[in-house]
Amino acid sequence: MERVLRAPLPLLLLCAAVARSEAGHCGEPPTLENGIHTGDDYTFGKWVHYDCNEGYELIGSSRILCTSEGWTRLNTQCRITLCDPPQPVDNGTVRPRGEGTYGQQADYSCDRGYTLTGEGTVYCTHTGHWSHPAPNCTAAGHCGEPPTLENGIHTGDDYTFGKWVHYDCNEGYELIGSGLTLCTDEGWIETTRRCRIMRCGYPQPVDNGTVRPRGEGTYGQQADYSCDRGYTLTGEGTVNCTHTGHWSHPAPNCTESIVEQSGRQTNPTAGHYAIIGGAIALVALGALVIALCVGVHVCRNRGSYPVGTGSKDGEERSICEDGNVTPPPETYISPLLTTK
């Protein structure tokens, strides 16, 4: 009968450990429910780290080590995140009332005769807090402060059931949408409204000149006019977009500057007016009597139209009026000053 020799158990374990140590590899690390591990080096002396999925928190050690005897023990778990019981609400109810867990919802409702203001449903988030604060239950006979309007105001301080509040915009803005809202048993009626800034359109162009900017104007914006070289601006050079949606002044004019050139006046008569260099004078019995204003031709004596001081006989000129160069007119008669 043959005798079978059996090695002692401690010796077998030692051999197995030596074999693993020689192999230097621990194999796939253990899994973690509702969690993951990071790291792909499973050789001797290496660590693997664990983390939990969103909505769970890690309880225990976050890592294990590959040793000569394999992975150290995974003494870790992922526990679902908890939220404290949802906040209660006066004149209303919340369901469920107990402690919440990640992803769970709680629903609020108001007692009869009360209206819910705020979020009626809240959720337990991964941070351990509810997604929104508890709502309010207000008596149906009162709606509380009405919605605000940007760049506008509301009038009326009675916020009880069946009452209206009126909206209006600040100066320079126009109301788009409803100007009223009503307090009902469910709160203020939801309506869309906004205050849009007033627009004046494009500033009027000007002949022989430029306006800047050229685009559409809005309330408070200004536009500046300038004339081309050789032209003079008459009127307002700067206009502003007003709260009425119109520019503050009409566009100015650019008129050609005064130009002189040679010309002859035919048969001027003493006692009538004509222009000499832009000054008004009265011709009385062939002599220049009065220099008065700007804008008409003056004849000094019959048959001639002198240029001015220092001119020679026969030299005459005309004036540019309204952008056209023309000879002096025949006569400009003034009933009060005409002499015969």
C-alpha atoms as a PDB file:
ATOM      1  CA  MET A   1       0.000   0.000   0.000  1.00  0.00           C
ATOM      2  CA  GLU A   2       1.438   3.319  -1.094  1.00  0.00           C
ATOM      3  CA  ARG A   3       1.749   6.156   1.340  1.00  0.00           C
ATOM      4  CA  VAL A   4       0.646   9.612   0.094  1.00  0.00           C
ATOM      5  CA  LEU A   5       2.534  12.556   1.476  1.00  0.00           C
ATOM      6  CA  ARG A   6       0.456  15.729   2.019  1.00  0.00           C
ATOM      7  CA  ALA A   7       2.047  19.129   2.540  1.00  0.00           C
ATOM      8  CA  PRO A   8       0.901  21.100   5.566  1.00  0.00           C
ATOM      9  CA  LEU A   9      -1.720  23.840   4.885  1.00  0.00           C
ATOM     10  CA  PRO A  10       0.531  26.733   5.958  1.00  0.00           C
ATOM     11  CA  LEU A  11       3.070  25.577   3.443  1.00  0.00           C
ATOM     12  CA  LEU A  12       0.462  25.535   0.664  1.00  0.00           C
ATOM     13  CA  LEU A  13      -0.668  29.107   1.471  1.00  0.00           C
ATOM     14  CA  LEU A  14       2.899  30.281   1.480  1.00  0.00           C
ATOM     15  CA  CYS A  15       3.487  28.753  -1.923  1.00  0.00           C
ATOM     16  CA  ALA A  16       0.377  30.379  -3.319  1.00  0.00           C
ATOM     17  CA  ALA A  17       1.443  33.768  -1.962  1.00  0.00           C
ATOM     18  CA  VAL A  18       4.909  33.332  -3.481  1.00  0.00           C
ATOM     19  CA  ALA A  19       3.329  32.431  -6.793  1.00  0.00           C
ATOM     20  CA  ARG A  20       1.119  35.553  -6.739  1.00  0.00           C
ATOM     21  CA  SER A  21       4.046  37.684  -5.690  1.00  0.00           C
ATOM     22  CA  GLU A  22       6.085  36.364  -8.548  1.00  0.00           C
ATOM     23  CA  ALA A  23       3.220  37.033 -10.924  1.00  0.00           C
ATOM     24  CA  GLY A  24       2.944  40.625  -9.540  1.00  0.00           C
ATOM     25  CA  HIS A  25      -0.666  41.087 -10.734  1.00  0.00           C
ATOM     26  CA  CYS A  26      -3.856  41.176  -8.642  1.00  0.00           C
ATOM     27  CA  GLY A  27      -6.395  40.949 -11.436  1.00  0.00           C
ATOM     28  CA  GLU A  28      -9.624  42.953 -11.736  1.00  0.00           C
ATOM     29  CA  PRO A  29     -10.456  44.874  -8.507  1.00  0.00           C
ATOM     30  CA  PRO A  30     -13.795  44.284  -6.770  1.00  0.00           C
ATOM     31  CA  THR A  31     -16.821  46.295  -7.947  1.00  0.00           C
ATOM     32  CA  LEU A  32     -18.641  48.893  -5.833  1.00  0.00           C
ATOM     33  CA  GLU A  33     -22.440  49.116  -6.027  1.00  0.00           C
ATOM     34  CA  ASN A  34     -23.549  52.582  -7.205  1.00  0.00           C
ATOM     35  CA  GLY A  35     -19.903  53.515  -7.660  1.00  0.00           C
ATOM     36  CA  ILE A  36     -16.874  53.192  -9.923  1.00  0.00           C
ATOM     37  CA  HIS A  37     -13.137  52.654  -9.573  1.00  0.00           C
ATOM     38  CA  THR A  38     -10.372  54.521 -11.373  1.00  0.00           C
ATOM     39  CA  GLY A  39      -6.934  53.248 -12.315  1.00  0.00           C
ATOM     40  CA  ASP A  40      -5.972  50.411 -14.672  1.00  0.00           C
ATOM     41  CA  ASP A  41      -2.635  49.319 -13.201  1.00  0.00           C
ATOM     42  CA  TYR A  42      -3.363  46.189 -11.161  1.00  0.00           C
ATOM     43  CA  THR A  43       0.241  45.217 -10.368  1.00  0.00           C
ATOM     44  CA  PHE A  44       1.944  44.789  -7.003  1.00  0.00           C
ATOM     45  CA  GLY A  45       2.065  47.994  -4.904  1.00  0.00           C
ATOM     46  CA  LYS A  46      -0.526  49.914  -6.965  1.00  0.00           C
ATOM     47  CA  TRP A  47      -3.696  51.591  -5.633  1.00  0.00           C
ATOM     48  CA  VAL A  48      -7.176  51.684  -7.100  1.00  0.00           C
ATOM     49  CA  HIS A  49      -9.509  54.567  -6.111  1.00  0.00           C
ATOM     50  CA  TYR A  50     -13.279  54.412  -5.734  1.00  0.00           C
ATOM     51  CA  ASP A  51     -15.950  57.085  -6.098  1.00  0.00           C
ATOM     52  CA  CYS A  52     -19.757  57.056  -5.980  1.00  0.00           C
ATOM     53  CA  ASN A  53     -22.289  57.938  -8.658  1.00  0.00           C
ATOM     54  CA  GLU A  54     -24.168  61.258  -8.498  1.00  0.00           C
ATOM     55  CA  GLY A  55     -26.672  61.251  -5.676  1.00  0.00           C
ATOM     56  CA  TYR A  56     -24.615  58.884  -3.516  1.00  0.00           C
ATOM     57  CA  GLU A  57     -21.971  59.513  -0.870  1.00  0.00           C
ATOM     58  CA  LEU A  58     -18.940  57.359  -0.081  1.00  0.00           C
ATOM     59  CA  ILE A  59     -18.860  55.634   3.294  1.00  0.00           C
ATOM     60  CA  GLY A  60     -15.505  54.051   4.252  1.00  0.00           C
ATOM     61  CA  SER A  61     -12.129  53.989   2.539  1.00  0.00           C
ATOM     62  CA  SER A  62     -11.884  55.280  -1.001  1.00  0.00           C
ATOM     63  CA  ARG A  63      -8.999  53.018  -2.144  1.00  0.00           C
ATOM     64  CA  ILE A  64      -7.529  49.495  -2.023  1.00  0.00           C
ATOM     65  CA  LEU A  65      -3.956  48.205  -2.578  1.00  0.00           C
ATOM     66  CA  CYS A  66      -2.573  45.347  -4.646  1.00  0.00           C
ATOM     67  CA  THR A  67      -0.378  43.287  -2.259  1.00  0.00           C
ATOM     68  CA  SER A  68       1.426  39.993  -2.435  1.00  0.00           C
ATOM     69  CA  GLU A  69      -1.769  38.397  -1.133  1.00  0.00           C
ATOM     70  CA  GLY A  70      -4.058  40.218  -3.605  1.00  0.00           C
ATOM     71  CA  TRP A  71      -6.290  43.259  -3.117  1.00  0.00           C
ATOM     72  CA  THR A  72      -6.786  44.578   0.341  1.00  0.00           C
ATOM     73  CA  ARG A  73     -10.333  44.362   1.636  1.00  0.00           C
ATOM     74  CA  LEU A  74     -12.889  46.759   0.116  1.00  0.00           C
ATOM     75  CA  ASN A  75     -14.586  48.131   3.210  1.00  0.00           C
ATOM     76  CA  THR A  76     -16.600  50.769   1.325  1.00  0.00           C
ATOM     77  CA  GLN A  77     -20.204  51.482   0.344  1.00  0.00           C
ATOM     78  CA  CYS A  78     -22.133  54.165  -1.579  1.00  0.00           C
ATOM     79  CA  ARG A  79     -25.098  55.446   0.381  1.00  0.00           C
ATOM     80  CA  ILE A  80     -27.868  57.438  -1.320  1.00  0.00           C
ATOM     81  CA  THR A  81     -27.896  61.158  -0.500  1.00  0.00           C
ATOM     82  CA  LEU A  82     -30.542  62.231   1.995  1.00  0.00           C
ATOM     83  CA  CYS A  83     -32.464  65.518   2.204  1.00  0.00           C
ATOM     84  CA  ASP A  84     -34.050  66.726   5.424  1.00  0.00           C
ATOM     85  CA  PRO A  85     -37.861  66.598   5.535  1.00  0.00           C
ATOM     86  CA  PRO A  86     -39.320  69.257   3.180  1.00  0.00           C
ATOM     87  CA  GLN A  87     -40.227  72.549   4.819  1.00  0.00           C
ATOM     88  CA  PRO A  88     -43.851  72.801   5.925  1.00  0.00           C
ATOM     89  CA  VAL A  89     -46.140  75.526   4.554  1.00  0.00           C
ATOM     90  CA  ASP A  90     -48.729  77.535   6.441  1.00  0.00           C
ATOM     91  CA  ASN A  91     -52.301  77.013   5.235  1.00  0.00           C
ATOM     92  CA  GLY A  92     -51.181  74.091   3.100  1.00  0.00           C
ATOM     93  CA  THR A  93     -49.751  70.573   2.964  1.00  0.00           C
ATOM     94  CA  VAL A  94     -46.651  68.815   1.636  1.00  0.00           C
ATOM     95  CA  ARG A  95     -46.505  65.140   0.609  1.00  0.00           C
ATOM     96  CA  PRO A  96     -44.525  63.107   1.555  1.00  0.00           C
ATOM     97  CA  ARG A  97     -43.584  64.701   4.847  1.00  0.00           C
ATOM     98  CA  GLY A  98     -40.663  62.482   5.817  1.00  0.00           C
ATOM     99  CA  GLU A  99     -36.982  62.562   4.988  1.00  0.00           C
ATOM    100  CA  GLY A 100     -36.265  62.667   1.273  1.00  0.00           C
ATOM    101  CA  THR A 101     -33.728  60.722  -0.744  1.00  0.00           C
ATOM    102  CA  TYR A 102     -31.921  61.670  -3.950  1.00  0.00           C
ATOM    103  CA  GLY A 103     -34.349  62.068  -6.854  1.00  0.00           C
ATOM    104  CA  GLN A 104     -37.459  61.977  -4.691  1.00  0.00           C
ATOM    105  CA  GLN A 105     -40.068  64.718  -5.149  1.00  0.00           C
ATOM    106  CA  ALA A 106     -42.349  66.439  -2.677  1.00  0.00           C
ATOM    107  CA  ASP A 107     -45.625  68.111  -3.689  1.00  0.00           C
ATOM    108  CA  TYR A 108     -47.210  71.140  -2.034  1.00  0.00           C
ATOM    109  CA  SER A 109     -50.879  72.114  -2.082  1.00  0.00           C
ATOM    110  CA  CYS A 110     -52.832  74.895  -0.372  1.00  0.00           C
ATOM    111  CA  ASP A 111     -55.955  74.723   1.724  1.00  0.00           C
ATOM    112  CA  ARG A 112     -59.207  75.848   0.172  1.00  0.00           C
ATOM    113  CA  GLY A 113     -59.402  79.626  -0.069  1.00  0.00           C
ATOM    114  CA  TYR A 114     -55.629  79.961  -0.402  1.00  0.00           C
ATOM    115  CA  THR A 115     -53.456  80.317  -3.487  1.00  0.00           C
ATOM    116  CA  LEU A 116     -50.027  78.775  -3.956  1.00  0.00           C
ATOM    117  CA  THR A 117     -47.200  81.156  -4.871  1.00  0.00           C
ATOM    118  CA  GLY A 118     -43.870  79.571  -5.826  1.00  0.00           C
ATOM    119  CA  GLU A 119     -42.854  76.052  -6.870  1.00  0.00           C
ATOM    120  CA  GLY A 120     -45.472  73.423  -6.101  1.00  0.00           C
ATOM    121  CA  THR A 121     -43.069  70.499  -6.685  1.00  0.00           C
ATOM    122  CA  VAL A 122     -39.533  70.241  -5.276  1.00  0.00           C
ATOM    123  CA  TYR A 123     -36.845  67.561  -5.722  1.00  0.00           C
ATOM    124  CA  CYS A 124     -34.132  66.147  -3.465  1.00  0.00           C
ATOM    125  CA  THR A 125     -30.850  66.938  -5.266  1.00  0.00           C
ATOM    126  CA  HIS A 126     -27.414  65.299  -5.143  1.00  0.00           C
ATOM    127  CA  THR A 127     -26.248  68.102  -2.827  1.00  0.00           C
ATOM    128  CA  GLY A 128     -28.631  66.982  -0.096  1.00  0.00           C
ATOM    129  CA  HIS A 129     -30.898  70.022  -0.479  1.00  0.00           C
ATOM    130  CA  TRP A 130     -34.341  70.474  -2.010  1.00  0.00           C
ATOM    131  CA  SER A 131     -34.392  72.097  -5.451  1.00  0.00           C
ATOM    132  CA  HIS A 132     -36.544  75.079  -4.352  1.00  0.00           C
ATOM    133  CA  PRO A 133     -37.664  76.692  -1.117  1.00  0.00           C
ATOM    134  CA  ALA A 134     -41.145  75.990   0.145  1.00  0.00           C
ATOM    135  CA  PRO A 135     -43.895  78.013  -1.579  1.00  0.00           C
ATOM    136  CA  ASN A 136     -46.427  80.283   0.139  1.00  0.00           C
ATOM    137  CA  CYS A 137     -50.144  79.857   0.513  1.00  0.00           C
ATOM    138  CA  THR A 138     -51.802  83.273   0.500  1.00  0.00           C
ATOM    139  CA  ALA A 139     -55.440  84.060   1.026  1.00  0.00           C
ATOM    140  CA  ALA A 140     -57.289  84.099  -2.281  1.00  0.00           C
ATOM    141  CA  GLY A 141     -58.561  87.588  -1.480  1.00  0.00           C
ATOM    142  CA  HIS A 142     -55.044  89.070  -1.738  1.00  0.00           C
ATOM    143  CA  CYS A 143     -52.522  88.672  -4.546  1.00  0.00           C
ATOM    144  CA  GLY A 144     -49.514  90.318  -2.945  1.00  0.00           C
ATOM    145  CA  GLU A 145     -47.123  92.620  -4.826  1.00  0.00           C
ATOM    146  CA  PRO A 146     -47.813  92.652  -8.591  1.00  0.00           C
ATOM    147  CA  PRO A 147     -45.079  91.778 -11.117  1.00  0.00           C
ATOM    148  CA  THR A 148     -42.543  94.530 -11.827  1.00  0.00           C
ATOM    149  CA  LEU A 149     -42.030  96.100 -15.264  1.00  0.00           C
ATOM    150  CA  GLU A 150     -38.532  97.026 -16.426  1.00  0.00           C
ATOM    151  CA  ASN A 151     -38.343 100.722 -17.398  1.00  0.00           C
ATOM    152  CA  GLY A 152     -41.902 101.154 -16.181  1.00  0.00           C
ATOM    153  CA  ILE A 153     -44.146 101.479 -13.143  1.00  0.00           C
ATOM    154  CA  HIS A 154     -47.501 100.203 -11.913  1.00  0.00           C
ATOM    155  CA  THR A 155     -50.186 102.296 -10.280  1.00  0.00           C
ATOM    156  CA  GLY A 156     -52.744 101.168  -7.741  1.00  0.00           C
ATOM    157  CA  ASP A 157     -52.160  99.828  -4.222  1.00  0.00           C
ATOM    158  CA  ASP A 158     -55.232  97.625  -3.778  1.00  0.00           C
ATOM    159  CA  TYR A 159     -54.040  94.058  -4.399  1.00  0.00           C
ATOM    160  CA  THR A 160     -57.220  92.285  -3.332  1.00  0.00           C
ATOM    161  CA  PHE A 161     -59.428  89.952  -5.343  1.00  0.00           C
ATOM    162  CA  GLY A 162     -61.054  91.539  -8.406  1.00  0.00           C
ATOM    163  CA  LYS A 163     -58.845  94.647  -8.438  1.00  0.00           C
ATOM    164  CA  TRP A 164     -56.845  95.909 -11.423  1.00  0.00           C
ATOM    165  CA  VAL A 165     -53.322  97.299 -11.485  1.00  0.00           C
ATOM    166  CA  HIS A 166     -52.298  99.642 -14.320  1.00  0.00           C
ATOM    167  CA  TYR A 167     -48.871  99.697 -15.943  1.00  0.00           C
ATOM    168  CA  ASP A 168     -47.121 102.552 -17.724  1.00  0.00           C
ATOM    169  CA  CYS A 169     -43.619 103.098 -19.091  1.00  0.00           C
ATOM    170  CA  ASN A 170     -41.035 105.688 -18.137  1.00  0.00           C
ATOM    171  CA  GLU A 171     -40.525 108.724 -20.378  1.00  0.00           C
ATOM    172  CA  GLY A 172     -38.886 107.727 -23.633  1.00  0.00           C
ATOM    173  CA  TYR A 173     -40.402 104.219 -23.638  1.00  0.00           C
ATOM    174  CA  GLU A 174     -43.593 102.821 -25.099  1.00  0.00           C
ATOM    175  CA  LEU A 175     -45.690  99.969 -23.696  1.00  0.00           C
ATOM    176  CA  ILE A 176     -45.882  96.773 -25.746  1.00  0.00           C
ATOM    177  CA  GLY A 177     -48.589  94.411 -24.561  1.00  0.00           C
ATOM    178  CA  SER A 178     -51.315  94.757 -21.947  1.00  0.00           C
ATOM    179  CA  GLY A 179     -51.265  97.704 -19.563  1.00  0.00           C
ATOM    180  CA  LEU A 180     -53.513  95.930 -17.025  1.00  0.00           C
ATOM    181  CA  THR A 181     -53.402  92.893 -14.759  1.00  0.00           C
ATOM    182  CA  LEU A 182     -56.169  91.495 -12.536  1.00  0.00           C
ATOM    183  CA  CYS A 183     -56.037  89.910  -9.075  1.00  0.00           C
ATOM    184  CA  THR A 184     -57.906  86.580  -9.233  1.00  0.00           C
ATOM    185  CA  ASP A 185     -58.340  83.687  -6.817  1.00  0.00           C
ATOM    186  CA  GLU A 186     -55.294  82.125  -8.495  1.00  0.00           C
ATOM    187  CA  GLY A 187     -53.138  85.232  -8.241  1.00  0.00           C
ATOM    188  CA  TRP A 188     -52.274  87.915 -10.795  1.00  0.00           C
ATOM    189  CA  ILE A 189     -53.254  87.162 -14.384  1.00  0.00           C
ATOM    190  CA  GLU A 190     -50.152  86.245 -16.375  1.00  0.00           C
ATOM    191  CA  THR A 191     -49.844  88.694 -19.288  1.00  0.00           C
ATOM    192  CA  THR A 192     -46.916  89.681 -21.451  1.00  0.00           C
ATOM    193  CA  ARG A 193     -45.781  93.302 -21.480  1.00  0.00           C
ATOM    194  CA  ARG A 194     -42.565  95.248 -21.908  1.00  0.00           C
ATOM    195  CA  CYS A 195     -41.355  98.814 -22.286  1.00  0.00           C
ATOM    196  CA  ARG A 196     -39.600  99.458 -25.593  1.00  0.00           C
ATOM    197  CA  ILE A 197     -37.420 102.514 -26.061  1.00  0.00           C
ATOM    198  CA  MET A 198     -38.915 105.155 -28.382  1.00  0.00           C
ATOM    199  CA  ARG A 199     -37.585 105.309 -31.927  1.00  0.00           C
ATOM    200  CA  CYS A 200     -37.477 108.428 -34.087  1.00  0.00           C
ATOM    201  CA  GLY A 201     -36.610 106.836 -37.392  1.00  0.00           C
ATOM    202  CA  TYR A 202     -33.776 108.155 -39.527  1.00  0.00           C
ATOM    203  CA  PRO A 203     -32.893 111.859 -39.283  1.00  0.00           C
ATOM    204  CA  GLN A 204     -33.895 113.794 -42.394  1.00  0.00           C
ATOM    205  CA  PRO A 205     -31.087 114.139 -44.944  1.00  0.00           C
ATOM    206  CA  VAL A 206     -29.893 117.576 -46.028  1.00  0.00           C
ATOM    207  CA  ASP A 207     -28.906 118.650 -49.525  1.00  0.00           C
ATOM    208  CA  ASN A 208     -25.277 119.736 -49.816  1.00  0.00           C
ATOM    209  CA  GLY A 209     -24.523 118.452 -46.321  1.00  0.00           C
ATOM    210  CA  THR A 210     -24.224 115.448 -44.015  1.00  0.00           C
ATOM    211  CA  VAL A 211     -25.935 114.136 -40.885  1.00  0.00           C
ATOM    212  CA  ARG A 212     -24.220 111.897 -38.315  1.00  0.00           C
ATOM    213  CA  PRO A 213     -25.180 109.279 -37.279  1.00  0.00           C
ATOM    214  CA  ARG A 214     -27.289 108.254 -40.233  1.00  0.00           C
ATOM    215  CA  GLY A 215     -29.029 105.295 -38.619  1.00  0.00           C
ATOM    216  CA  GLU A 216     -32.339 105.058 -36.813  1.00  0.00           C
ATOM    217  CA  GLY A 217     -32.409 107.179 -33.657  1.00  0.00           C
ATOM    218  CA  THR A 218     -33.618 106.144 -30.208  1.00  0.00           C
ATOM    219  CA  TYR A 219     -34.788 108.265 -27.288  1.00  0.00           C
ATOM    220  CA  GLY A 220     -32.114 110.672 -26.051  1.00  0.00           C
ATOM    221  CA  GLN A 221     -29.836 110.180 -29.061  1.00  0.00           C
ATOM    222  CA  GLN A 222     -28.627 113.217 -30.987  1.00  0.00           C
ATOM    223  CA  ALA A 223     -27.821 113.745 -34.639  1.00  0.00           C
ATOM    224  CA  ASP A 224     -25.444 116.438 -35.888  1.00  0.00           C
ATOM    225  CA  TYR A 225     -25.647 118.219 -39.238  1.00  0.00           C
ATOM    226  CA  SER A 226     -22.798 119.810 -41.182  1.00  0.00           C
ATOM    227  CA  CYS A 227     -22.632 121.449 -44.605  1.00  0.00           C
ATOM    228  CA  ASP A 228     -20.302 120.796 -47.511  1.00  0.00           C
ATOM    229  CA  ARG A 229     -17.556 123.294 -48.225  1.00  0.00           C
ATOM    230  CA  GLY A 230     -18.931 126.440 -49.767  1.00  0.00           C
ATOM    231  CA  TYR A 231     -22.305 126.080 -48.039  1.00  0.00           C
ATOM    232  CA  THR A 232     -23.649 127.651 -44.844  1.00  0.00           C
ATOM    233  CA  LEU A 233     -25.938 125.912 -42.333  1.00  0.00           C
ATOM    234  CA  THR A 234     -29.248 127.611 -41.573  1.00  0.00           C
ATOM    235  CA  GLY A 235     -31.325 126.179 -38.726  1.00  0.00           C
ATOM    236  CA  GLU A 236     -30.510 123.787 -35.870  1.00  0.00           C
ATOM    237  CA  GLY A 237     -27.239 121.918 -36.336  1.00  0.00           C
ATOM    238  CA  THR A 238     -28.028 119.393 -33.577  1.00  0.00           C
ATOM    239  CA  VAL A 239     -31.362 117.577 -33.155  1.00  0.00           C
ATOM    240  CA  ASN A 240     -32.425 115.134 -30.442  1.00  0.00           C
ATOM    241  CA  CYS A 241     -34.749 112.122 -30.477  1.00  0.00           C
ATOM    242  CA  THR A 242     -37.570 113.016 -28.056  1.00  0.00           C
ATOM    243  CA  HIS A 243     -39.966 110.931 -25.968  1.00  0.00           C
ATOM    244  CA  THR A 244     -42.674 111.516 -28.593  1.00  0.00           C
ATOM    245  CA  GLY A 245     -40.729 109.574 -31.227  1.00  0.00           C
ATOM    246  CA  HIS A 246     -39.916 112.700 -33.252  1.00  0.00           C
ATOM    247  CA  TRP A 247     -36.723 114.689 -33.739  1.00  0.00           C
ATOM    248  CA  SER A 248     -36.630 117.940 -31.757  1.00  0.00           C
ATOM    249  CA  HIS A 249     -36.208 120.156 -34.850  1.00  0.00           C
ATOM    250  CA  PRO A 250     -36.619 119.838 -38.605  1.00  0.00           C
ATOM    251  CA  ALA A 251     -33.527 119.321 -40.690  1.00  0.00           C
ATOM    252  CA  PRO A 252     -31.589 122.558 -41.369  1.00  0.00           C
ATOM    253  CA  ASN A 253     -30.686 123.889 -44.816  1.00  0.00           C
ATOM    254  CA  CYS A 254     -27.289 124.190 -46.410  1.00  0.00           C
ATOM    255  CA  THR A 255     -27.307 127.316 -48.596  1.00  0.00           C
ATOM    256  CA  GLU A 256     -24.493 128.351 -50.887  1.00  0.00           C
ATOM    257  CA  SER A 257     -22.238 131.016 -49.422  1.00  0.00           C
ATOM    258  CA  ILE A 258     -22.345 134.556 -51.033  1.00  0.00           C
ATOM    259  CA  VAL A 259     -20.360 134.651 -54.290  1.00  0.00           C
ATOM    260  CA  GLU A 260     -19.555 137.834 -56.253  1.00  0.00           C
ATOM    261  CA  GLN A 261     -19.134 138.115 -59.987  1.00  0.00           C
ATOM    262  CA  SER A 262     -19.215 140.818 -62.655  1.00  0.00           C
ATOM    263  CA  GLY A 263     -22.560 141.996 -63.925  1.00  0.00           C
ATOM    264  CA  ARG A 264     -24.501 145.099 -64.972  1.00  0.00           C
ATOM    265  CA  GLN A 265     -27.742 146.473 -63.628  1.00  0.00           C
ATOM    266  CA  THR A 266     -29.962 147.959 -66.249  1.00  0.00           C
ATOM    267  CA  ASN A 267     -31.418 151.384 -65.718  1.00  0.00           C
ATOM    268  CA  PRO A 268     -31.359 151.719 -61.874  1.00  0.00           C
ATOM    269  CA  THR A 269     -33.552 154.540 -60.606  1.00  0.00           C
ATOM    270  CA  ALA A 270     -32.777 157.017 -57.817  1.00  0.00           C
ATOM    271  CA  GLY A 271     -34.973 156.541 -54.788  1.00  0.00           C
ATOM    272  CA  HIS A 272     -35.143 152.725 -55.091  1.00  0.00           C
ATOM    273  CA  TYR A 273     -33.268 149.969 -53.234  1.00  0.00           C
ATOM    274  CA  ALA A 274     -30.570 147.618 -54.523  1.00  0.00           C
ATOM    275  CA  ILE A 275     -27.744 145.492 -53.032  1.00  0.00           C
ATOM    276  CA  ILE A 276     -24.183 146.796 -52.692  1.00  0.00           C
ATOM    277  CA  GLY A 277     -21.898 144.203 -51.068  1.00  0.00           C
ATOM    278  CA  GLY A 278     -24.749 142.949 -48.933  1.00  0.00           C
ATOM    279  CA  ALA A 279     -25.855 146.335 -47.463  1.00  0.00           C
ATOM    280  CA  ILE A 280     -29.172 148.150 -47.963  1.00  0.00           C
ATOM    281  CA  ALA A 281     -28.958 151.813 -48.882  1.00  0.00           C
ATOM    282  CA  LEU A 282     -31.372 154.432 -50.113  1.00  0.00           C
ATOM    283  CA  VAL A 283     -30.739 156.325 -53.336  1.00  0.00           C
ATOM    284  CA  ALA A 284     -32.023 159.848 -53.076  1.00  0.00           C
ATOM    285  CA  LEU A 285     -31.431 162.244 -55.939  1.00  0.00           C
ATOM    286  CA  GLY A 286     -28.344 160.362 -57.091  1.00  0.00           C
ATOM    287  CA  ALA A 287     -26.599 160.332 -53.686  1.00  0.00           C
ATOM    288  CA  LEU A 288     -26.112 157.389 -51.282  1.00  0.00           C
ATOM    289  CA  VAL A 289     -28.032 158.438 -48.167  1.00  0.00           C
ATOM    290  CA  ILE A 290     -28.490 155.500 -45.681  1.00  0.00           C
ATOM    291  CA  ALA A 291     -26.712 152.119 -45.106  1.00  0.00           C
ATOM    292  CA  LEU A 292     -29.216 149.878 -43.270  1.00  0.00           C
ATOM    293  CA  CYS A 293     -29.283 146.006 -43.540  1.00  0.00           C
ATOM    294  CA  VAL A 294     -28.140 143.012 -45.527  1.00  0.00           C
ATOM    295  CA  GLY A 295     -29.869 141.395 -48.424  1.00  0.00           C
ATOM    296  CA  VAL A 296     -30.910 143.852 -51.242  1.00  0.00           C
ATOM    297  CA  HIS A 297     -29.173 145.677 -54.057  1.00  0.00           C
ATOM    298  CA  VAL A 298     -28.864 149.470 -53.869  1.00  0.00           C
ATOM    299  CA  CYS A 299     -28.408 151.695 -56.875  1.00  0.00           C
ATOM    300  CA  ARG A 300     -26.530 154.894 -56.262  1.00  0.00           C
ATOM    301  CA  ASN A 301     -27.323 156.796 -59.430  1.00  0.00           C
ATOM    302  CA  ARG A 302     -29.120 156.203 -62.633  1.00  0.00           C
ATOM    303  CA  GLY A 303     -27.422 154.002 -65.156  1.00  0.00           C
ATOM    304  CA  SER A 304     -24.543 152.725 -63.004  1.00  0.00           C
ATOM    305  CA  TYR A 305     -23.951 150.101 -60.305  1.00  0.00           C
ATOM    306  CA  PRO A 306     -20.533 150.677 -58.663  1.00  0.00           C
ATOM    307  CA  VAL A 307     -18.501 147.902 -57.062  1.00  0.00           C
ATOM    308  CA  GLY A 308     -17.562 149.900 -53.976  1.00  0.00           C
ATOM    309  CA  THR A 309     -14.875 152.107 -52.590  1.00  0.00           C
ATOM    310  CA  GLY A 310     -11.867 152.363 -54.840  1.00  0.00           C
ATOM    311  CA  SER A 311     -13.651 150.981 -57.902  1.00  0.00           C
ATOM    312  CA  LYS A 312     -13.287 152.411 -61.369  1.00  0.00           C
ATOM    313  CA  ASP A 313     -16.132 153.729 -63.420  1.00  0.00           C
ATOM    314  CA  GLY A 314     -17.934 150.977 -65.249  1.00  0.00           C
ATOM    315  CA  GLU A 315     -17.040 148.178 -62.787  1.00  0.00           C
ATOM    316  CA  GLU A 316     -20.143 146.534 -61.437  1.00  0.00           C
ATOM    317  CA  ARG A 317     -21.053 143.271 -59.633  1.00  0.00           C
ATOM    318  CA  SER A 318     -23.927 141.005 -58.646  1.00  0.00           C
ATOM    319  CA  ILE A 319     -24.683 138.943 -55.553  1.00  0.00           C
ATOM    320  CA  CYS A 320     -25.377 135.206 -55.033  1.00  0.00           C
ATOM    321  CA  GLU A 321     -28.857 134.752 -53.539  1.00  0.00           C
ATOM    322  CA  ASP A 322     -30.449 131.335 -52.732  1.00  0.00           C
ATOM    323  CA  GLY A 323     -27.565 129.513 -54.385  1.00  0.00           C
ATOM    324  CA  ASN A 324     -27.885 131.297 -57.769  1.00  0.00           C
ATOM    325  CA  VAL A 325     -25.602 134.010 -59.055  1.00  0.00           C
ATOM    326  CA  THR A 326     -27.703 136.680 -60.741  1.00  0.00           C
ATOM    327  CA  PRO A 327     -27.242 140.307 -61.711  1.00  0.00           C
ATOM    328  CA  PRO A 328     -28.816 142.897 -59.419  1.00  0.00           C
ATOM    329  CA  PRO A 329     -32.582 143.265 -59.832  1.00  0.00           C
ATOM    330  CA  GLU A 330     -34.156 146.143 -61.683  1.00  0.00           C
ATOM    331  CA  THR A 331     -35.399 147.803 -58.503  1.00  0.00           C
ATOM    332  CA  TYR A 332     -36.647 147.021 -55.034  1.00  0.00           C
ATOM    333  CA  ILE A 333     -39.378 149.562 -54.306  1.00  0.00           C
ATOM    334  CA  SER A 334     -40.216 150.722 -50.780  1.00  0.00           C
ATOM    335  CA  PRO A 335     -43.435 152.762 -50.752  1.00  0.00           C
ATOM    336  CA  LEU A 336     -42.344 154.620 -47.631  1.00  0.00           C
ATOM    337  CA  LEU A 337     -38.850 155.553 -48.745  1.00  0.00           C
ATOM    338  CA  THR A 338     -39.215 156.027 -52.484  1.00  0.00           C
ATOM    339  CA  THR A 339     -38.431 159.532 -53.665  1.00  0.00           C
ATOM    340  CA  LYS A 340     -39.287 160.986 -56.969  1.00  0.00           C
END
